[in-house]
Amino acid sequence: MRQQFNDAMKAAMKAGDKARLGTIRLIIAAIKDRDIVARGEGKETATDEELLQLLQKMAKQRADSITAFEAAGRQDLVDKEAAEKVIIESFLPQQMGAEETRAAIAAVIAETGAAGMKDMGKVMGALKAKFAGTMDFAKANGVVKELLTAG
């Protein structure tokens, strides 16, 4: 995954795409920061799963900023954040659709034998282990609640 960012940075440099280059440099800097934290935890570098979580966090930060800048009437900053968000999301795996997410959650509930809201943590843990990077857990949380209370 790290090589993918270095290759993308080189391609952006060659193409003269300053916006993409700047965003990729932000990603690489965030990865280096995450690696420093990982070394403090006794690991050599952050895992690919941790890097996916980092990218998801960065994309969410951009979405939050877009909302704030729209409310403030700053279209110039909205456009900049939106462009960065698109670039960051291009490195994330394809997200599951709503029906696909619902089916995966139902399957995990059946696998874990979850019977009610008390089992929500067990279900969310299993989902995060299986579908890291491909499932929006904020949306999945609501579906898990719905299925556990309905079932």
C-alpha atoms as a PDB file:
ATOM      1  CA  MET A   1       0.000   0.000   0.000  1.00  0.00           C
ATOM      2  CA  ARG A   2       2.857   2.372   0.819  1.00  0.00           C
ATOM      3  CA  GLN A   3       4.369   1.772  -2.593  1.00  0.00           C
ATOM      4  CA  GLN A   4       1.041   2.709  -4.168  1.00  0.00           C
ATOM      5  CA  PHE A   5       1.274   6.181  -2.574  1.00  0.00           C
ATOM      6  CA  ASN A   6       4.877   6.661  -3.703  1.00  0.00           C
ATOM      7  CA  ASP A   7       3.972   5.617  -7.253  1.00  0.00           C
ATOM      8  CA  ALA A   8       0.963   7.953  -7.247  1.00  0.00           C
ATOM      9  CA  MET A   9       3.155  10.818  -6.009  1.00  0.00           C
ATOM     10  CA  LYS A  10       5.670  10.261  -8.801  1.00  0.00           C
ATOM     11  CA  ALA A  11       2.858  10.124 -11.385  1.00  0.00           C
ATOM     12  CA  ALA A  12       1.340  13.361 -10.052  1.00  0.00           C
ATOM     13  CA  MET A  13       4.761  15.047 -10.206  1.00  0.00           C
ATOM     14  CA  LYS A  14       5.279  13.949 -13.811  1.00  0.00           C
ATOM     15  CA  ALA A  15       1.767  15.056 -14.774  1.00  0.00           C
ATOM     16  CA  GLY A  16       2.187  18.409 -13.018  1.00  0.00           C
ATOM     17  CA  ASP A  17      -1.033  17.814 -11.039  1.00  0.00           C
ATOM     18  CA  LYS A  18      -0.361  20.067  -8.049  1.00  0.00           C
ATOM     19  CA  ALA A  19      -3.682  19.402  -6.283  1.00  0.00           C
ATOM     20  CA  ARG A  20      -3.237  15.620  -6.414  1.00  0.00           C
ATOM     21  CA  LEU A  21       0.435  15.889  -5.453  1.00  0.00           C
ATOM     22  CA  GLY A  22      -0.391  18.028  -2.422  1.00  0.00           C
ATOM     23  CA  THR A  23      -3.068  15.618  -1.220  1.00  0.00           C
ATOM     24  CA  ILE A  24      -0.823  12.579  -1.679  1.00  0.00           C
ATOM     25  CA  ARG A  25       1.895  14.343   0.294  1.00  0.00           C
ATOM     26  CA  LEU A  26      -0.652  14.931   3.094  1.00  0.00           C
ATOM     27  CA  ILE A  27      -1.476  11.214   3.065  1.00  0.00           C
ATOM     28  CA  ILE A  28       2.203  10.204   3.178  1.00  0.00           C
ATOM     29  CA  ALA A  29       2.837  12.608   6.076  1.00  0.00           C
ATOM     30  CA  ALA A  30      -0.149  11.158   7.971  1.00  0.00           C
ATOM     31  CA  ILE A  31       1.198   7.638   7.365  1.00  0.00           C
ATOM     32  CA  LYS A  32       4.601   8.648   8.726  1.00  0.00           C
ATOM     33  CA  ASP A  33       2.890  10.078  11.827  1.00  0.00           C
ATOM     34  CA  ARG A  34       0.943   6.824  12.229  1.00  0.00           C
ATOM     35  CA  ASP A  35       4.176   4.821  11.898  1.00  0.00           C
ATOM     36  CA  ILE A  36       5.735   6.876  14.709  1.00  0.00           C
ATOM     37  CA  VAL A  37       2.743   6.037  16.916  1.00  0.00           C
ATOM     38  CA  ALA A  38       3.075   2.345  15.927  1.00  0.00           C
ATOM     39  CA  ARG A  39       6.741   2.321  16.967  1.00  0.00           C
ATOM     40  CA  GLY A  40       5.689   3.701  20.339  1.00  0.00           C
ATOM     41  CA  GLU A  41       3.335   0.716  20.616  1.00  0.00           C
ATOM     42  CA  GLY A  42       6.188  -1.698  19.879  1.00  0.00           C
ATOM     43  CA  LYS A  43       5.356  -2.337  16.194  1.00  0.00           C
ATOM     44  CA  GLU A  44       7.695  -1.524  13.325  1.00  0.00           C
ATOM     45  CA  THR A  45       5.088   0.186  11.119  1.00  0.00           C
ATOM     46  CA  ALA A  46       1.340   0.628  10.928  1.00  0.00           C
ATOM     47  CA  THR A  47      -0.552  -2.252   9.284  1.00  0.00           C
ATOM     48  CA  ASP A  48      -2.466  -1.890   6.020  1.00  0.00           C
ATOM     49  CA  GLU A  49      -5.700  -2.117   8.033  1.00  0.00           C
ATOM     50  CA  GLU A  50      -4.565   0.836  10.176  1.00  0.00           C
ATOM     51  CA  LEU A  51      -3.692   2.747   7.001  1.00  0.00           C
ATOM     52  CA  LEU A  52      -7.181   2.099   5.624  1.00  0.00           C
ATOM     53  CA  GLN A  53      -8.658   3.429   8.858  1.00  0.00           C
ATOM     54  CA  LEU A  54      -6.407   6.471   8.558  1.00  0.00           C
ATOM     55  CA  LEU A  55      -7.616   7.145   5.005  1.00  0.00           C
ATOM     56  CA  GLN A  56     -11.242   6.749   6.092  1.00  0.00           C
ATOM     57  CA  LYS A  57     -10.652   9.208   8.920  1.00  0.00           C
ATOM     58  CA  MET A  58      -9.056  11.694   6.519  1.00  0.00           C
ATOM     59  CA  ALA A  59     -12.015  11.397   4.127  1.00  0.00           C
ATOM     60  CA  LYS A  60     -14.464  11.915   7.004  1.00  0.00           C
ATOM     61  CA  GLN A  61     -12.528  14.995   8.144  1.00  0.00           C
ATOM     62  CA  ARG A  62     -12.876  16.429   4.632  1.00  0.00           C
ATOM     63  CA  ALA A  63     -16.617  15.710   4.634  1.00  0.00           C
ATOM     64  CA  ASP A  64     -16.999  17.473   7.988  1.00  0.00           C
ATOM     65  CA  SER A  65     -14.988  20.439   6.716  1.00  0.00           C
ATOM     66  CA  ILE A  66     -17.142  20.655   3.588  1.00  0.00           C
ATOM     67  CA  THR A  67     -20.265  20.889   5.751  1.00  0.00           C
ATOM     68  CA  ALA A  68     -18.717  23.618   7.904  1.00  0.00           C
ATOM     69  CA  PHE A  69     -17.442  25.625   4.934  1.00  0.00           C
ATOM     70  CA  GLU A  70     -20.805  25.389   3.146  1.00  0.00           C
ATOM     71  CA  ALA A  71     -22.500  26.780   6.245  1.00  0.00           C
ATOM     72  CA  ALA A  72     -19.976  29.630   6.281  1.00  0.00           C
ATOM     73  CA  GLY A  73     -20.502  30.346   2.574  1.00  0.00           C
ATOM     74  CA  ARG A  74     -16.879  29.600   1.631  1.00  0.00           C
ATOM     75  CA  GLN A  75     -17.290  27.889  -1.744  1.00  0.00           C
ATOM     76  CA  ASP A  76     -13.553  28.198  -2.499  1.00  0.00           C
ATOM     77  CA  LEU A  77     -12.715  26.052   0.547  1.00  0.00           C
ATOM     78  CA  VAL A  78     -15.603  23.656  -0.172  1.00  0.00           C
ATOM     79  CA  ASP A  79     -14.151  22.999  -3.634  1.00  0.00           C
ATOM     80  CA  LYS A  80     -10.638  22.427  -2.234  1.00  0.00           C
ATOM     81  CA  GLU A  81     -11.841  20.001   0.464  1.00  0.00           C
ATOM     82  CA  ALA A  82     -14.096  18.160  -2.004  1.00  0.00           C
ATOM     83  CA  ALA A  83     -11.178  17.677  -4.408  1.00  0.00           C
ATOM     84  CA  GLU A  84      -8.983  16.328  -1.593  1.00  0.00           C
ATOM     85  CA  LYS A  85     -11.775  13.978  -0.466  1.00  0.00           C
ATOM     86  CA  VAL A  86     -12.112  12.524  -3.989  1.00  0.00           C
ATOM     87  CA  ILE A  87      -8.352  11.916  -4.175  1.00  0.00           C
ATOM     88  CA  ILE A  88      -8.245  10.274  -0.726  1.00  0.00           C
ATOM     89  CA  GLU A  89     -11.248   8.076  -1.535  1.00  0.00           C
ATOM     90  CA  SER A  90      -9.558   6.922  -4.757  1.00  0.00           C
ATOM     91  CA  PHE A  91      -7.126   4.953  -2.558  1.00  0.00           C
ATOM     92  CA  LEU A  92      -9.897   3.278  -0.528  1.00  0.00           C
ATOM     93  CA  PRO A  93     -11.478  -0.019  -1.580  1.00  0.00           C
ATOM     94  CA  GLN A  94     -14.955   0.169  -3.096  1.00  0.00           C
ATOM     95  CA  GLN A  95     -17.537   0.619  -0.323  1.00  0.00           C
ATOM     96  CA  MET A  96     -20.348  -1.903   0.036  1.00  0.00           C
ATOM     97  CA  GLY A  97     -23.826  -0.850  -1.067  1.00  0.00           C
ATOM     98  CA  ALA A  98     -26.780  -0.631   1.339  1.00  0.00           C
ATOM     99  CA  GLU A  99     -28.242  -4.039   0.434  1.00  0.00           C
ATOM    100  CA  GLU A 100     -24.841  -5.708   0.463  1.00  0.00           C
ATOM    101  CA  THR A 101     -24.125  -4.192   3.895  1.00  0.00           C
ATOM    102  CA  ARG A 102     -27.488  -5.353   5.255  1.00  0.00           C
ATOM    103  CA  ALA A 103     -26.884  -8.918   3.997  1.00  0.00           C
ATOM    104  CA  ALA A 104     -23.372  -9.008   5.481  1.00  0.00           C
ATOM    105  CA  ILE A 105     -24.661  -7.771   8.851  1.00  0.00           C
ATOM    106  CA  ALA A 106     -27.450 -10.358   8.874  1.00  0.00           C
ATOM    107  CA  ALA A 107     -24.892 -13.089   8.129  1.00  0.00           C
ATOM    108  CA  VAL A 108     -22.577 -11.933  10.945  1.00  0.00           C
ATOM    109  CA  ILE A 109     -25.508 -11.775  13.379  1.00  0.00           C
ATOM    110  CA  ALA A 110     -26.357 -15.383  12.464  1.00  0.00           C
ATOM    111  CA  GLU A 111     -22.689 -16.481  12.746  1.00  0.00           C
ATOM    112  CA  THR A 112     -22.180 -14.896  16.153  1.00  0.00           C
ATOM    113  CA  GLY A 113     -25.542 -16.020  17.493  1.00  0.00           C
ATOM    114  CA  ALA A 114     -26.349 -12.469  18.571  1.00  0.00           C
ATOM    115  CA  ALA A 115     -29.777 -12.291  20.165  1.00  0.00           C
ATOM    116  CA  GLY A 116     -30.231  -8.712  21.290  1.00  0.00           C
ATOM    117  CA  MET A 117     -28.706  -5.310  21.937  1.00  0.00           C
ATOM    118  CA  LYS A 118     -26.370  -6.796  24.553  1.00  0.00           C
ATOM    119  CA  ASP A 119     -24.545  -8.528  21.683  1.00  0.00           C
ATOM    120  CA  MET A 120     -24.053  -5.360  19.640  1.00  0.00           C
ATOM    121  CA  GLY A 121     -20.354  -5.056  20.572  1.00  0.00           C
ATOM    122  CA  LYS A 122     -19.706  -8.640  19.508  1.00  0.00           C
ATOM    123  CA  VAL A 123     -21.409  -8.049  16.133  1.00  0.00           C
ATOM    124  CA  MET A 124     -19.620  -4.737  15.474  1.00  0.00           C
ATOM    125  CA  GLY A 125     -16.265  -6.319  16.388  1.00  0.00           C
ATOM    126  CA  ALA A 126     -16.845  -9.176  13.948  1.00  0.00           C
ATOM    127  CA  LEU A 127     -17.909  -6.745  11.211  1.00  0.00           C
ATOM    128  CA  LYS A 128     -14.800  -4.600  11.706  1.00  0.00           C
ATOM    129  CA  ALA A 129     -12.590  -7.693  11.542  1.00  0.00           C
ATOM    130  CA  LYS A 130     -14.229  -8.952   8.336  1.00  0.00           C
ATOM    131  CA  PHE A 131     -15.068  -5.786   6.435  1.00  0.00           C
ATOM    132  CA  ALA A 132     -12.459  -3.165   7.396  1.00  0.00           C
ATOM    133  CA  GLY A 133     -12.183  -0.610   4.626  1.00  0.00           C
ATOM    134  CA  THR A 134     -15.209  -1.790   2.670  1.00  0.00           C
ATOM    135  CA  MET A 135     -18.063  -1.053   5.079  1.00  0.00           C
ATOM    136  CA  ASP A 136     -19.194   2.296   6.469  1.00  0.00           C
ATOM    137  CA  PHE A 137     -19.458   1.397  10.160  1.00  0.00           C
ATOM    138  CA  ALA A 138     -21.356   4.569  11.050  1.00  0.00           C
ATOM    139  CA  LYS A 139     -24.191   3.458   8.748  1.00  0.00           C
ATOM    140  CA  ALA A 140     -23.754  -0.200   9.719  1.00  0.00           C
ATOM    141  CA  ASN A 141     -24.268   0.692  13.377  1.00  0.00           C
ATOM    142  CA  GLY A 142     -27.874   1.741  12.679  1.00  0.00           C
ATOM    143  CA  VAL A 143     -28.574  -1.391  10.657  1.00  0.00           C
ATOM    144  CA  VAL A 144     -27.131  -3.617  13.406  1.00  0.00           C
ATOM    145  CA  LYS A 145     -29.378  -1.923  15.995  1.00  0.00           C
ATOM    146  CA  GLU A 146     -32.392  -2.326  13.735  1.00  0.00           C
ATOM    147  CA  LEU A 147     -31.738  -6.019  13.060  1.00  0.00           C
ATOM    148  CA  LEU A 148     -30.929  -6.853  16.681  1.00  0.00           C
ATOM    149  CA  THR A 149     -34.091  -5.180  17.998  1.00  0.00           C
ATOM    150  CA  ALA A 150     -36.257  -6.649  15.238  1.00  0.00           C
ATOM    151  CA  GLY A 151     -34.859 -10.156  15.666  1.00  0.00           C
END
